[in-house]
Structure formats: structure tokens, C-alpha cells
Amino acid sequence: MGNGIKLGPRATILLVVLLAASAVGILTPTLSNTVSKDVQVTGFAVTVTVDGVPETVAPGDVFRVTATLANNANRPIPAVLRMEVRNPNNTVPNELTVYAGCGAEEVVSGTRLIYYIGWHGPLLAPKGTSFASGTSVATVNGAIGSAEYWPAVLHEIQERDPAGYASLVVPGLNASAGVRNSGSALLKALNYYAMVATSNGDSPNLSDWTLSSVFSERFVAFGGAAQDGFLVEVHPQSRGSFIFKLWAERPDGLGIPGHPTYTCGPL
């Protein structure tokens, strides 16, 4: 008689159960506890404050609006100003002209217009950061150039505007050779947002580049170097009232620069 192990009926059933359990992973050991955490985002990335819209105007008046964008984020972010003008008295809103640099005008209805003020920026500096126009890019780079958020800023450009991104890094395209050949993500980003200037576009040396506009957590759209806002003209034939609503938005909310009504100058 052989020397094997003889299993009784109960043992045979137990063996079958154990094998089935192993097949579905019930016996696979868990080596750690499970940790679950929530993160709450508090507040808006950009706060907008507006001054200069008068309570009453006469036909033909011109007034200056200072719309200030303040960055509450701990990294640079681009933002454009959107302005909706509504006339509940059925006077067409295009009886206003907005002088605000580059932008676009979208006809929403016979009593409502939306203005897109700015093209793809400005780029707002991280919260608590400010550099005046004319500051050397080498100085800016020494302060925040090594921060880990710059690759993310460039990645946003790459996703939103592949051709613009290519001009920063591909030889023979739009940006200067100095920007393309520079290893500085900061210089590439600031150049994309038209915030730097140089007398030698072939130089990758950051000391040869300066800020052509303020690079700050606070920016007045679109006031130029003076940071004094933009103009709104009320046409002489205007009647009734205008309701203004202003907010900040990510670039390309209307498909800029491909938007058919994209212009530079009066909107």
C-alpha cells in the first residue's frame, strides 16, 4: 500500500474552498492602511477691482476705467479681462467704443456685447511678487527663475498655442534666436507674453534683456506703462443706460487669436 496522505470528506471540501478563495484574491494580504484626504481650494485665483465707471454720463463723454487684476495664486498665471455691456433700454451697446490695446468684440444679442480685452495675457506674477518695468531679466531670474512652476507655465502655452510655443524653441520661427537658444524658461515665458525687450535679440544672456512692462501680482488692464487703465467713449447718439460687468478669464475664451473679430486698437 502506498505512503500517500488520505483526506477525509470534510478535509477535501476545505481544500476546495481554500483553492477557490485564492483564485479570487481573498487571501492576498493588504500591507498598509488606506489614507484618504480632501483638499479644498479657497477663493479665486484672480481678484478684479474696477474704478472709473461713472454713475451718469452725457452723450459724447469719454471716461477711463482702471480694472486691476490681482493674482492670489502662488505661481504666475495669465489672465485676460472680459467686459460685458448690457443696455436694457434697447439702445445697441456698440454705441460705446473701447480703446484698450488688443482685444475682440463679440455680439451676444441686440442689447448685449462682450469685450475681450487683451490677447493672451498679461502674465501675472506670483502672489507677493513685483518687478518694475525696466528691471533686468537676470534680476528676475535670480529671484524666481529657479521656481518649479516655470515648466508648467510653458506647458500651458504649448497646449493652448502650439505655434506660439514652437516659436520659443524651434529655430527659424518667430521668436528671436536669443530666446530660442536660452535655457531660461522664465525668459521664454515672458517673451511669449510680450513682456521683455532687448537691443540684441540674438543674445541668450539674461542681462541683455529687461522687462518692457510691470511683472507683478497686480496689473491694470490695459494701461500700458502708466498703468492707468483703458478708455470708453459714449457715442453722442446713445440713450438710456449701460450696465457694465467685468471679470478675469483664462486666455482664449473666444478662440483668440483665431477669433474672426480679433483686432488691435479700438474694439
C-alpha atoms as a PDB file:
ATOM      1  CA  MET A   1       0.000   0.000   0.000  1.00  0.00           C
ATOM      2  CA  GLY A   2       1.360   3.442  -0.855  1.00  0.00           C
ATOM      3  CA  ASN A   3       2.502   6.075   1.645  1.00  0.00           C
ATOM      4  CA  GLY A   4       0.225   8.918   0.496  1.00  0.00           C
ATOM      5  CA  ILE A   5      -1.940  11.139   2.685  1.00  0.00           C
ATOM      6  CA  LYS A   6      -5.530  10.164   2.887  1.00  0.00           C
ATOM      7  CA  LEU A   7      -8.039  13.020   3.140  1.00  0.00           C
ATOM      8  CA  GLY A   8     -11.444  12.602   4.636  1.00  0.00           C
ATOM      9  CA  PRO A   9     -14.571  14.145   3.059  1.00  0.00           C
ATOM     10  CA  ARG A  10     -14.505  17.312   5.276  1.00  0.00           C
ATOM     11  CA  ALA A  11     -10.844  17.967   4.556  1.00  0.00           C
ATOM     12  CA  THR A  12     -11.478  17.622   0.850  1.00  0.00           C
ATOM     13  CA  ILE A  13     -14.221  20.258   0.992  1.00  0.00           C
ATOM     14  CA  LEU A  14     -11.963  22.649   2.966  1.00  0.00           C
ATOM     15  CA  LEU A  15      -9.200  22.288   0.399  1.00  0.00           C
ATOM     16  CA  VAL A  16     -11.580  23.134  -2.421  1.00  0.00           C
ATOM     17  CA  VAL A  17     -12.787  26.263  -0.569  1.00  0.00           C
ATOM     18  CA  LEU A  18      -9.231  27.461   0.066  1.00  0.00           C
ATOM     19  CA  LEU A  19      -8.239  26.988  -3.559  1.00  0.00           C
ATOM     20  CA  ALA A  20     -11.295  28.901  -4.740  1.00  0.00           C
ATOM     21  CA  ALA A  21     -10.580  31.739  -2.325  1.00  0.00           C
ATOM     22  CA  SER A  22      -7.010  32.045  -3.588  1.00  0.00           C
ATOM     23  CA  ALA A  23      -8.258  32.209  -7.175  1.00  0.00           C
ATOM     24  CA  VAL A  24     -10.299  35.355  -6.483  1.00  0.00           C
ATOM     25  CA  GLY A  25      -7.616  37.011  -4.340  1.00  0.00           C
ATOM     26  CA  ILE A  26      -9.380  36.856  -0.998  1.00  0.00           C
ATOM     27  CA  LEU A  27      -6.235  35.596   0.667  1.00  0.00           C
ATOM     28  CA  THR A  28      -3.981  38.294  -0.871  1.00  0.00           C
ATOM     29  CA  PRO A  29      -2.593  40.257   2.101  1.00  0.00           C
ATOM     30  CA  THR A  30      -3.027  44.049   2.371  1.00  0.00           C
ATOM     31  CA  LEU A  31       0.217  45.570   3.589  1.00  0.00           C
ATOM     32  CA  SER A  32      -0.957  49.033   4.594  1.00  0.00           C
ATOM     33  CA  ASN A  33      -3.863  51.042   5.822  1.00  0.00           C
ATOM     34  CA  THR A  34      -5.829  53.246   3.390  1.00  0.00           C
ATOM     35  CA  VAL A  35      -5.390  57.020   3.635  1.00  0.00           C
ATOM     36  CA  SER A  36      -7.928  59.407   2.132  1.00  0.00           C
ATOM     37  CA  LYS A  37      -7.563  63.197   2.206  1.00  0.00           C
ATOM     38  CA  ASP A  38      -9.508  66.123   0.771  1.00  0.00           C
ATOM     39  CA  VAL A  39      -8.028  69.428  -0.411  1.00  0.00           C
ATOM     40  CA  GLN A  40     -10.245  72.480  -0.556  1.00  0.00           C
ATOM     41  CA  VAL A  41      -9.420  75.374  -2.879  1.00  0.00           C
ATOM     42  CA  THR A  42     -10.220  78.659  -1.160  1.00  0.00           C
ATOM     43  CA  GLY A  43     -11.046  81.816  -3.097  1.00  0.00           C
ATOM     44  CA  PHE A  44     -10.459  82.860  -6.703  1.00  0.00           C
ATOM     45  CA  ALA A  45      -7.091  82.756  -8.465  1.00  0.00           C
ATOM     46  CA  VAL A  46      -7.548  86.373  -9.605  1.00  0.00           C
ATOM     47  CA  THR A  47      -9.424  89.206  -7.917  1.00  0.00           C
ATOM     48  CA  VAL A  48     -10.734  92.061 -10.081  1.00  0.00           C
ATOM     49  CA  THR A  49     -11.413  95.570  -8.786  1.00  0.00           C
ATOM     50  CA  VAL A  50     -12.860  98.312 -11.021  1.00  0.00           C
ATOM     51  CA  ASP A  51     -12.788 102.092 -10.739  1.00  0.00           C
ATOM     52  CA  GLY A  52     -13.734 104.872 -13.107  1.00  0.00           C
ATOM     53  CA  VAL A  53     -17.177 103.828 -14.354  1.00  0.00           C
ATOM     54  CA  PRO A  54     -19.324 106.907 -13.621  1.00  0.00           C
ATOM     55  CA  GLU A  55     -22.902 106.783 -12.417  1.00  0.00           C
ATOM     56  CA  THR A  56     -24.040 109.240 -15.083  1.00  0.00           C
ATOM     57  CA  VAL A  57     -22.591 110.404 -18.410  1.00  0.00           C
ATOM     58  CA  ALA A  58     -23.565 112.849 -21.133  1.00  0.00           C
ATOM     59  CA  PRO A  59     -23.645 111.808 -24.803  1.00  0.00           C
ATOM     60  CA  GLY A  60     -20.126 112.051 -26.188  1.00  0.00           C
ATOM     61  CA  ASP A  61     -18.379 111.576 -22.825  1.00  0.00           C
ATOM     62  CA  VAL A  62     -15.089 109.681 -22.548  1.00  0.00           C
ATOM     63  CA  PHE A  63     -14.030 108.062 -19.279  1.00  0.00           C
ATOM     64  CA  ARG A  64     -11.093 105.949 -18.163  1.00  0.00           C
ATOM     65  CA  VAL A  65     -11.627 102.597 -16.466  1.00  0.00           C
ATOM     66  CA  THR A  66      -8.960 101.117 -14.216  1.00  0.00           C
ATOM     67  CA  ALA A  67      -9.620  97.388 -13.906  1.00  0.00           C
ATOM     68  CA  THR A  68      -6.962  95.889 -11.641  1.00  0.00           C
ATOM     69  CA  LEU A  69      -6.224  92.166 -11.754  1.00  0.00           C
ATOM     70  CA  ALA A  70      -4.603  90.825  -8.563  1.00  0.00           C
ATOM     71  CA  ASN A  71      -3.055  87.353  -8.529  1.00  0.00           C
ATOM     72  CA  ASN A  72      -3.898  85.264  -5.463  1.00  0.00           C
ATOM     73  CA  ALA A  73      -2.065  82.186  -6.769  1.00  0.00           C
ATOM     74  CA  ASN A  74       1.414  81.094  -5.750  1.00  0.00           C
ATOM     75  CA  ARG A  75       2.587  80.799  -9.357  1.00  0.00           C
ATOM     76  CA  PRO A  76       2.427  83.001 -12.469  1.00  0.00           C
ATOM     77  CA  ILE A  77      -0.871  82.791 -14.336  1.00  0.00           C
ATOM     78  CA  PRO A  78      -2.103  84.537 -17.493  1.00  0.00           C
ATOM     79  CA  ALA A  79      -5.433  86.325 -17.393  1.00  0.00           C
ATOM     80  CA  VAL A  80      -7.440  88.500 -19.737  1.00  0.00           C
ATOM     81  CA  LEU A  81     -10.189  90.915 -18.840  1.00  0.00           C
ATOM     82  CA  ARG A  82     -13.728  90.240 -20.068  1.00  0.00           C
ATOM     83  CA  MET A  83     -16.299  93.020 -20.041  1.00  0.00           C
ATOM     84  CA  GLU A  84     -19.992  92.582 -20.729  1.00  0.00           C
ATOM     85  CA  VAL A  85     -22.001  95.703 -21.575  1.00  0.00           C
ATOM     86  CA  ARG A  86     -25.775  95.429 -21.463  1.00  0.00           C
ATOM     87  CA  ASN A  87     -28.317  98.071 -22.369  1.00  0.00           C
ATOM     88  CA  PRO A  88     -31.781  97.230 -21.020  1.00  0.00           C
ATOM     89  CA  ASN A  89     -33.277 100.227 -22.842  1.00  0.00           C
ATOM     90  CA  ASN A  90     -32.731  98.632 -26.269  1.00  0.00           C
ATOM     91  CA  THR A  91     -30.039 101.032 -27.334  1.00  0.00           C
ATOM     92  CA  VAL A  92     -27.420  98.937 -29.103  1.00  0.00           C
ATOM     93  CA  PRO A  93     -24.294  98.509 -26.923  1.00  0.00           C
ATOM     94  CA  ASN A  94     -21.946  99.189 -29.832  1.00  0.00           C
ATOM     95  CA  GLU A  95     -22.701 102.840 -29.255  1.00  0.00           C
ATOM     96  CA  LEU A  96     -19.698 102.507 -26.974  1.00  0.00           C
ATOM     97  CA  THR A  97     -16.122 102.383 -28.261  1.00  0.00           C
ATOM     98  CA  VAL A  98     -13.456 100.783 -26.052  1.00  0.00           C
ATOM     99  CA  TYR A  99      -9.825 101.859 -26.514  1.00  0.00           C
ATOM    100  CA  ALA A 100      -7.882  99.086 -24.842  1.00  0.00           C
ATOM    101  CA  GLY A 101      -4.998  97.842 -26.953  1.00  0.00           C
ATOM    102  CA  CYS A 102      -5.570  94.389 -28.394  1.00  0.00           C
ATOM    103  CA  GLY A 103      -8.864  92.637 -27.937  1.00  0.00           C
ATOM    104  CA  ALA A 104     -12.070  91.488 -29.545  1.00  0.00           C
ATOM    105  CA  GLU A 105     -15.754  92.294 -29.511  1.00  0.00           C
ATOM    106  CA  GLU A 106     -18.449  89.629 -29.541  1.00  0.00           C
ATOM    107  CA  VAL A 107     -22.059  90.460 -30.365  1.00  0.00           C
ATOM    108  CA  VAL A 108     -24.162  88.375 -27.998  1.00  0.00           C
ATOM    109  CA  SER A 109     -27.566  89.980 -28.677  1.00  0.00           C
ATOM    110  CA  GLY A 110     -29.124  93.245 -29.751  1.00  0.00           C
ATOM    111  CA  THR A 111     -28.797  94.608 -26.230  1.00  0.00           C
ATOM    112  CA  ARG A 112     -25.600  92.904 -25.080  1.00  0.00           C
ATOM    113  CA  LEU A 113     -21.918  92.879 -26.082  1.00  0.00           C
ATOM    114  CA  ILE A 114     -18.918  91.129 -24.580  1.00  0.00           C
ATOM    115  CA  TYR A 115     -15.462  92.672 -24.919  1.00  0.00           C
ATOM    116  CA  TYR A 116     -12.345  90.503 -24.705  1.00  0.00           C
ATOM    117  CA  ILE A 117      -9.618  92.893 -23.529  1.00  0.00           C
ATOM    118  CA  GLY A 118      -6.142  91.533 -24.121  1.00  0.00           C
ATOM    119  CA  TRP A 119      -4.929  88.748 -26.359  1.00  0.00           C
ATOM    120  CA  HIS A 120      -3.284  86.071 -24.239  1.00  0.00           C
ATOM    121  CA  GLY A 121      -2.218  87.878 -21.113  1.00  0.00           C
ATOM    122  CA  PRO A 122      -0.709  89.639 -19.263  1.00  0.00           C
ATOM    123  CA  LEU A 123       1.154  87.076 -17.218  1.00  0.00           C
ATOM    124  CA  LEU A 124       0.558  87.909 -13.572  1.00  0.00           C
ATOM    125  CA  ALA A 125       3.464  87.303 -11.192  1.00  0.00           C
ATOM    126  CA  PRO A 126       3.039  85.013  -8.177  1.00  0.00           C
ATOM    127  CA  LYS A 127       1.286  86.423  -5.119  1.00  0.00           C
ATOM    128  CA  GLY A 128       3.584  88.786  -3.229  1.00  0.00           C
ATOM    129  CA  THR A 129       5.929  89.360  -6.207  1.00  0.00           C
ATOM    130  CA  SER A 130       6.522  92.585  -8.117  1.00  0.00           C
ATOM    131  CA  PHE A 131       9.145  93.831 -10.584  1.00  0.00           C
ATOM    132  CA  ALA A 132       9.046  97.273 -12.189  1.00  0.00           C
ATOM    133  CA  SER A 133       9.255  97.896 -15.913  1.00  0.00           C
ATOM    134  CA  GLY A 134      12.923  98.167 -16.936  1.00  0.00           C
ATOM    135  CA  THR A 135      14.150  95.566 -14.419  1.00  0.00           C
ATOM    136  CA  SER A 136      16.861  93.271 -15.772  1.00  0.00           C
ATOM    137  CA  VAL A 137      15.579  89.780 -16.557  1.00  0.00           C
ATOM    138  CA  ALA A 138      18.720  88.496 -14.828  1.00  0.00           C
ATOM    139  CA  THR A 139      17.427  90.097 -11.619  1.00  0.00           C
ATOM    140  CA  VAL A 140      14.008  88.499 -12.058  1.00  0.00           C
ATOM    141  CA  ASN A 141      15.642  85.159 -12.815  1.00  0.00           C
ATOM    142  CA  GLY A 142      17.785  85.372  -9.703  1.00  0.00           C
ATOM    143  CA  ALA A 143      14.689  85.919  -7.583  1.00  0.00           C
ATOM    144  CA  ILE A 144      12.211  83.402  -9.035  1.00  0.00           C
ATOM    145  CA  GLY A 145      13.831  81.792 -12.088  1.00  0.00           C
ATOM    146  CA  SER A 146      14.568  78.523 -10.298  1.00  0.00           C
ATOM    147  CA  ALA A 147      10.964  78.023  -9.125  1.00  0.00           C
ATOM    148  CA  GLU A 148       9.411  74.730 -10.162  1.00  0.00           C
ATOM    149  CA  TYR A 149       6.326  76.295 -11.731  1.00  0.00           C
ATOM    150  CA  TRP A 150       8.004  77.608 -14.914  1.00  0.00           C
ATOM    151  CA  PRO A 151       7.778  74.269 -16.793  1.00  0.00           C
ATOM    152  CA  ALA A 152       4.041  74.285 -16.019  1.00  0.00           C
ATOM    153  CA  VAL A 153       3.715  77.811 -17.429  1.00  0.00           C
ATOM    154  CA  LEU A 154       5.408  76.716 -20.666  1.00  0.00           C
ATOM    155  CA  HIS A 155       3.266  73.582 -20.802  1.00  0.00           C
ATOM    156  CA  GLU A 156       0.130  75.722 -20.692  1.00  0.00           C
ATOM    157  CA  ILE A 157       1.455  77.740 -23.643  1.00  0.00           C
ATOM    158  CA  GLN A 158       2.209  74.524 -25.525  1.00  0.00           C
ATOM    159  CA  GLU A 159      -1.328  73.191 -25.013  1.00  0.00           C
ATOM    160  CA  ARG A 160      -3.149  76.437 -25.781  1.00  0.00           C
ATOM    161  CA  ASP A 161      -0.964  77.799 -28.586  1.00  0.00           C
ATOM    162  CA  PRO A 162       1.261  75.143 -30.196  1.00  0.00           C
ATOM    163  CA  ALA A 163       2.541  77.537 -32.879  1.00  0.00           C
ATOM    164  CA  GLY A 164       3.430  80.173 -30.298  1.00  0.00           C
ATOM    165  CA  TYR A 165       5.185  77.562 -28.206  1.00  0.00           C
ATOM    166  CA  ALA A 166       7.136  76.337 -31.230  1.00  0.00           C
ATOM    167  CA  SER A 167       8.343  79.877 -31.866  1.00  0.00           C
ATOM    168  CA  LEU A 168      10.038  79.795 -28.464  1.00  0.00           C
ATOM    169  CA  VAL A 169      12.026  76.626 -29.036  1.00  0.00           C
ATOM    170  CA  VAL A 170      12.201  75.799 -32.769  1.00  0.00           C
ATOM    171  CA  PRO A 171      14.928  77.502 -34.882  1.00  0.00           C
ATOM    172  CA  GLY A 172      13.705  79.591 -37.782  1.00  0.00           C
ATOM    173  CA  LEU A 173      10.339  80.505 -36.289  1.00  0.00           C
ATOM    174  CA  ASN A 174       9.028  83.728 -34.837  1.00  0.00           C
ATOM    175  CA  ALA A 175      10.901  84.369 -31.608  1.00  0.00           C
ATOM    176  CA  SER A 176      14.403  85.776 -31.559  1.00  0.00           C
ATOM    177  CA  ALA A 177      17.393  83.447 -31.628  1.00  0.00           C
ATOM    178  CA  GLY A 178      18.337  84.602 -28.142  1.00  0.00           C
ATOM    179  CA  VAL A 179      15.041  83.374 -26.701  1.00  0.00           C
ATOM    180  CA  ARG A 180      15.167  80.069 -28.566  1.00  0.00           C
ATOM    181  CA  ASN A 181      18.759  79.395 -27.534  1.00  0.00           C
ATOM    182  CA  SER A 182      18.278  80.396 -23.923  1.00  0.00           C
ATOM    183  CA  GLY A 183      17.854  77.694 -21.325  1.00  0.00           C
ATOM    184  CA  SER A 184      15.683  80.012 -19.243  1.00  0.00           C
ATOM    185  CA  ALA A 185      12.024  79.020 -19.103  1.00  0.00           C
ATOM    186  CA  LEU A 186      11.363  82.376 -17.445  1.00  0.00           C
ATOM    187  CA  LEU A 187      12.722  84.319 -20.456  1.00  0.00           C
ATOM    188  CA  LYS A 188      10.741  82.157 -22.868  1.00  0.00           C
ATOM    189  CA  ALA A 189       7.503  82.694 -20.950  1.00  0.00           C
ATOM    190  CA  LEU A 190       7.944  86.446 -20.519  1.00  0.00           C
ATOM    191  CA  ASN A 191       8.854  86.802 -24.203  1.00  0.00           C
ATOM    192  CA  TYR A 192       5.727  84.899 -25.220  1.00  0.00           C
ATOM    193  CA  TYR A 193       3.603  87.352 -23.237  1.00  0.00           C
ATOM    194  CA  ALA A 194       5.461  90.305 -24.858  1.00  0.00           C
ATOM    195  CA  MET A 195       6.849  91.471 -21.520  1.00  0.00           C
ATOM    196  CA  VAL A 196      10.579  91.730 -22.349  1.00  0.00           C
ATOM    197  CA  ALA A 197      12.761  93.836 -24.623  1.00  0.00           C
ATOM    198  CA  THR A 198      16.387  93.860 -25.748  1.00  0.00           C
ATOM    199  CA  SER A 199      18.739  95.651 -28.108  1.00  0.00           C
ATOM    200  CA  ASN A 200      20.294  92.322 -29.107  1.00  0.00           C
ATOM    201  CA  GLY A 201      17.709  89.701 -29.981  1.00  0.00           C
ATOM    202  CA  ASP A 202      20.426  87.132 -30.687  1.00  0.00           C
ATOM    203  CA  SER A 203      21.720  87.173 -27.130  1.00  0.00           C
ATOM    204  CA  PRO A 204      20.638  84.422 -24.726  1.00  0.00           C
ATOM    205  CA  ASN A 205      22.280  86.391 -21.891  1.00  0.00           C
ATOM    206  CA  LEU A 206      19.554  87.389 -19.452  1.00  0.00           C
ATOM    207  CA  SER A 207      21.447  90.559 -18.543  1.00  0.00           C
ATOM    208  CA  ASP A 208      20.783  91.825 -22.081  1.00  0.00           C
ATOM    209  CA  TRP A 209      17.020  91.630 -21.554  1.00  0.00           C
ATOM    210  CA  THR A 210      14.763  93.896 -19.497  1.00  0.00           C
ATOM    211  CA  LEU A 211      11.085  93.913 -18.567  1.00  0.00           C
ATOM    212  CA  SER A 212       9.110  96.029 -21.025  1.00  0.00           C
ATOM    213  CA  SER A 213       6.135  96.175 -18.649  1.00  0.00           C
ATOM    214  CA  VAL A 214       5.498  95.633 -14.985  1.00  0.00           C
ATOM    215  CA  PHE A 215       5.660  91.971 -13.922  1.00  0.00           C
ATOM    216  CA  SER A 216       3.650  91.969 -10.764  1.00  0.00           C
ATOM    217  CA  GLU A 217       0.879  90.266  -8.850  1.00  0.00           C
ATOM    218  CA  ARG A 218      -1.191  93.360  -9.712  1.00  0.00           C
ATOM    219  CA  PHE A 219      -1.808  94.568 -13.260  1.00  0.00           C
ATOM    220  CA  VAL A 220      -4.098  97.269 -14.615  1.00  0.00           C
ATOM    221  CA  ALA A 221      -5.675  96.126 -17.886  1.00  0.00           C
ATOM    222  CA  PHE A 222      -4.616  97.619 -20.351  1.00  0.00           C
ATOM    223  CA  GLY A 223      -2.999 100.781 -19.155  1.00  0.00           C
ATOM    224  CA  GLY A 224       0.410 100.446 -20.749  1.00  0.00           C
ATOM    225  CA  ALA A 225       3.462 101.580 -18.839  1.00  0.00           C
ATOM    226  CA  ALA A 226       1.428 104.183 -16.958  1.00  0.00           C
ATOM    227  CA  GLN A 227      -0.931 101.501 -15.616  1.00  0.00           C
ATOM    228  CA  ASP A 228      -3.813 103.944 -15.975  1.00  0.00           C
ATOM    229  CA  GLY A 229      -6.496 101.738 -17.491  1.00  0.00           C
ATOM    230  CA  PHE A 230      -8.402 101.966 -20.776  1.00  0.00           C
ATOM    231  CA  LEU A 231     -10.799 104.462 -22.317  1.00  0.00           C
ATOM    232  CA  VAL A 232     -14.518 104.097 -23.004  1.00  0.00           C
ATOM    233  CA  GLU A 233     -16.264 106.547 -25.339  1.00  0.00           C
ATOM    234  CA  VAL A 234     -20.024 107.068 -25.180  1.00  0.00           C
ATOM    235  CA  HIS A 235     -21.289 107.937 -28.644  1.00  0.00           C
ATOM    236  CA  PRO A 236     -23.393 111.117 -28.996  1.00  0.00           C
ATOM    237  CA  GLN A 237     -26.478 109.186 -30.154  1.00  0.00           C
ATOM    238  CA  SER A 238     -26.510 106.971 -27.040  1.00  0.00           C
ATOM    239  CA  ARG A 239     -29.679 106.805 -24.964  1.00  0.00           C
ATOM    240  CA  GLY A 240     -30.789 105.023 -21.818  1.00  0.00           C
ATOM    241  CA  SER A 241     -28.252 103.301 -19.604  1.00  0.00           C
ATOM    242  CA  PHE A 242     -25.374 100.850 -19.828  1.00  0.00           C
ATOM    243  CA  ILE A 243     -24.656  98.088 -17.317  1.00  0.00           C
ATOM    244  CA  PHE A 244     -21.005  97.005 -17.037  1.00  0.00           C
ATOM    245  CA  LYS A 245     -19.875  93.613 -15.755  1.00  0.00           C
ATOM    246  CA  LEU A 246     -16.142  92.789 -15.646  1.00  0.00           C
ATOM    247  CA  TRP A 247     -14.262  89.607 -14.757  1.00  0.00           C
ATOM    248  CA  ALA A 248     -10.954  87.827 -15.410  1.00  0.00           C
ATOM    249  CA  GLU A 249     -10.736  84.706 -17.539  1.00  0.00           C
ATOM    250  CA  ARG A 250      -8.149  82.287 -18.888  1.00  0.00           C
ATOM    251  CA  PRO A 251      -6.817  83.276 -22.322  1.00  0.00           C
ATOM    252  CA  ASP A 252      -8.517  82.101 -25.492  1.00  0.00           C
ATOM    253  CA  GLY A 253     -12.009  82.005 -24.088  1.00  0.00           C
ATOM    254  CA  LEU A 254     -13.182  83.132 -27.545  1.00  0.00           C
ATOM    255  CA  GLY A 255     -10.553  81.250 -29.522  1.00  0.00           C
ATOM    256  CA  ILE A 256      -8.164  84.200 -29.690  1.00  0.00           C
ATOM    257  CA  PRO A 257      -6.056  84.682 -31.802  1.00  0.00           C
ATOM    258  CA  GLY A 258      -8.238  82.784 -34.289  1.00  0.00           C
ATOM    259  CA  HIS A 259     -11.356  84.770 -33.397  1.00  0.00           C
ATOM    260  CA  PRO A 260     -12.624  86.488 -36.587  1.00  0.00           C
ATOM    261  CA  THR A 261     -13.156  89.869 -34.902  1.00  0.00           C
ATOM    262  CA  TYR A 262      -9.712  89.989 -33.284  1.00  0.00           C
ATOM    263  CA  THR A 263      -8.273  93.490 -33.541  1.00  0.00           C
ATOM    264  CA  CYS A 264      -5.633  95.731 -32.006  1.00  0.00           C
ATOM    265  CA  GLY A 265      -6.755  99.213 -31.067  1.00  0.00           C
ATOM    266  CA  PRO A 266     -10.347 100.351 -30.557  1.00  0.00           C
ATOM    267  CA  LEU A 267     -12.707  97.445 -30.012  1.00  0.00           C
END
